[in-house]
Amino acid sequence: MTHPVAHALRHRRVWLARATLVIVLAGFVALAARVAISLADPDLLEQKIAGAERYIYYKL
């Protein structure tokens, strides 16, 4: 027979492990989405901003 405190701690560890796994997987999904967005072709506004940054860089 297990001690009630040991049983409660074991249950808490399982819950914590599952929560950690869910958080890590959600982080990987968010990272993959962010990478996919950043690899897409830049839109017109992003192109203009990059051009302005290059202009300022070479002027200074």
Foldseek 3Di string as FASTA:
>chain_A
DDDPVVVVVVVVVVVVVVVVVVVVVVVVVVVVVVVVVVPDDDDPVVVVVVVVVVVVVVVD
